[in-house]
């Protein structure tokens, strides 16, 4: 992804995270906490374009109060 910042998982988790499954679990937990704080809904999407490029998308939908 162009312009995207790389996430420092060591800083977030306080440990050396190299396992992809562990990274995804950390992301899932963080997204759930964000949604909880915002009283929001989480939507996980799987995207497939016409060239066969597969991507995942996480959307957080909330109402501003």
C-alpha atoms as a PDB file:
ATOM      1  CA  UNK A   1       0.000   0.000   0.000  1.00  0.00           C
ATOM      2  CA  UNK A   2       1.407   3.305  -1.017  1.00  0.00           C
ATOM      3  CA  UNK A   3       1.597   5.875   1.736  1.00  0.00           C
ATOM      4  CA  UNK A   4       0.524   3.445   4.445  1.00  0.00           C
ATOM      5  CA  UNK A   5       2.454   3.389   7.684  1.00  0.00           C
ATOM      6  CA  UNK A   6       3.875   0.115   8.879  1.00  0.00           C
ATOM      7  CA  UNK A   7       2.540  -0.956  12.274  1.00  0.00           C
ATOM      8  CA  UNK A   8       5.132  -1.595  14.954  1.00  0.00           C
ATOM      9  CA  UNK A   9       3.618  -4.696  16.579  1.00  0.00           C
ATOM     10  CA  UNK A  10       6.439  -4.892  19.137  1.00  0.00           C
ATOM     11  CA  UNK A  11       5.438  -1.501  20.474  1.00  0.00           C
ATOM     12  CA  UNK A  12       1.729  -2.349  20.604  1.00  0.00           C
ATOM     13  CA  UNK A  13       2.014  -5.784  22.179  1.00  0.00           C
ATOM     14  CA  UNK A  14       5.198  -5.228  24.154  1.00  0.00           C
ATOM     15  CA  UNK A  15       6.667  -8.402  22.661  1.00  0.00           C
ATOM     16  CA  UNK A  16       8.410  -9.480  19.486  1.00  0.00           C
ATOM     17  CA  UNK A  17       5.589 -10.514  17.187  1.00  0.00           C
ATOM     18  CA  UNK A  18       6.573 -12.408  14.075  1.00  0.00           C
ATOM     19  CA  UNK A  19       3.735 -14.893  13.651  1.00  0.00           C
ATOM     20  CA  UNK A  20       1.094 -13.678  11.152  1.00  0.00           C
ATOM     21  CA  UNK A  21      -1.736 -15.281  13.143  1.00  0.00           C
ATOM     22  CA  UNK A  22      -0.591 -13.449  16.276  1.00  0.00           C
ATOM     23  CA  UNK A  23      -0.449 -10.153  14.362  1.00  0.00           C
ATOM     24  CA  UNK A  24      -3.980 -10.654  13.065  1.00  0.00           C
ATOM     25  CA  UNK A  25      -5.233 -11.462  16.578  1.00  0.00           C
ATOM     26  CA  UNK A  26      -3.694  -8.236  17.879  1.00  0.00           C
ATOM     27  CA  UNK A  27      -5.353  -6.280  15.068  1.00  0.00           C
ATOM     28  CA  UNK A  28      -8.722  -7.947  15.750  1.00  0.00           C
ATOM     29  CA  UNK A  29      -8.492  -7.123  19.468  1.00  0.00           C
ATOM     30  CA  UNK A  30      -7.579  -3.489  18.763  1.00  0.00           C
ATOM     31  CA  UNK A  31     -10.418  -3.081  16.255  1.00  0.00           C
ATOM     32  CA  UNK A  32     -12.888  -4.564  18.744  1.00  0.00           C
ATOM     33  CA  UNK A  33     -11.719  -2.129  21.444  1.00  0.00           C
ATOM     34  CA  UNK A  34     -12.041   0.837  19.054  1.00  0.00           C
ATOM     35  CA  UNK A  35     -15.575  -0.249  18.150  1.00  0.00           C
ATOM     36  CA  UNK A  36     -16.432  -0.646  21.818  1.00  0.00           C
ATOM     37  CA  UNK A  37     -15.188   2.876  22.605  1.00  0.00           C
ATOM     38  CA  UNK A  38     -17.172   4.361  19.710  1.00  0.00           C
ATOM     39  CA  UNK A  39     -20.266   2.192  20.201  1.00  0.00           C
ATOM     40  CA  UNK A  40     -19.695   1.150  16.594  1.00  0.00           C
ATOM     41  CA  UNK A  41     -20.211  -1.755  14.227  1.00  0.00           C
ATOM     42  CA  UNK A  42     -17.330  -3.643  12.635  1.00  0.00           C
ATOM     43  CA  UNK A  43     -17.577  -4.996   9.100  1.00  0.00           C
ATOM     44  CA  UNK A  44     -14.953  -7.346   7.691  1.00  0.00           C
ATOM     45  CA  UNK A  45     -14.876  -7.511   3.883  1.00  0.00           C
ATOM     46  CA  UNK A  46     -13.072  -9.662   1.385  1.00  0.00           C
ATOM     47  CA  UNK A  47     -12.321  -7.845  -1.870  1.00  0.00           C
ATOM     48  CA  UNK A  48     -11.429  -9.394  -5.207  1.00  0.00           C
ATOM     49  CA  UNK A  49     -10.824  -7.147  -8.214  1.00  0.00           C
ATOM     50  CA  UNK A  50     -11.024  -7.980 -11.916  1.00  0.00           C
ATOM     51  CA  UNK A  51      -7.296  -8.791 -11.990  1.00  0.00           C
ATOM     52  CA  UNK A  52      -7.621 -11.363  -9.211  1.00  0.00           C
ATOM     53  CA  UNK A  53      -6.045  -9.152  -6.527  1.00  0.00           C
ATOM     54  CA  UNK A  54      -7.345 -10.248  -3.123  1.00  0.00           C
ATOM     55  CA  UNK A  55      -7.545  -7.781  -0.263  1.00  0.00           C
ATOM     56  CA  UNK A  56      -9.177  -7.573   3.148  1.00  0.00           C
ATOM     57  CA  UNK A  57     -10.961  -4.497   4.455  1.00  0.00           C
ATOM     58  CA  UNK A  58     -12.049  -3.595   7.983  1.00  0.00           C
ATOM     59  CA  UNK A  59     -14.730  -0.905   8.295  1.00  0.00           C
ATOM     60  CA  UNK A  60     -15.821   0.708  11.546  1.00  0.00           C
ATOM     61  CA  UNK A  61     -19.193   2.449  11.343  1.00  0.00           C
ATOM     62  CA  UNK A  62     -20.337   4.782  14.104  1.00  0.00           C
ATOM     63  CA  UNK A  63     -22.545   7.832  14.733  1.00  0.00           C
ATOM     64  CA  UNK A  64     -21.018  11.034  15.982  1.00  0.00           C
ATOM     65  CA  UNK A  65     -22.756  12.341  19.026  1.00  0.00           C
END
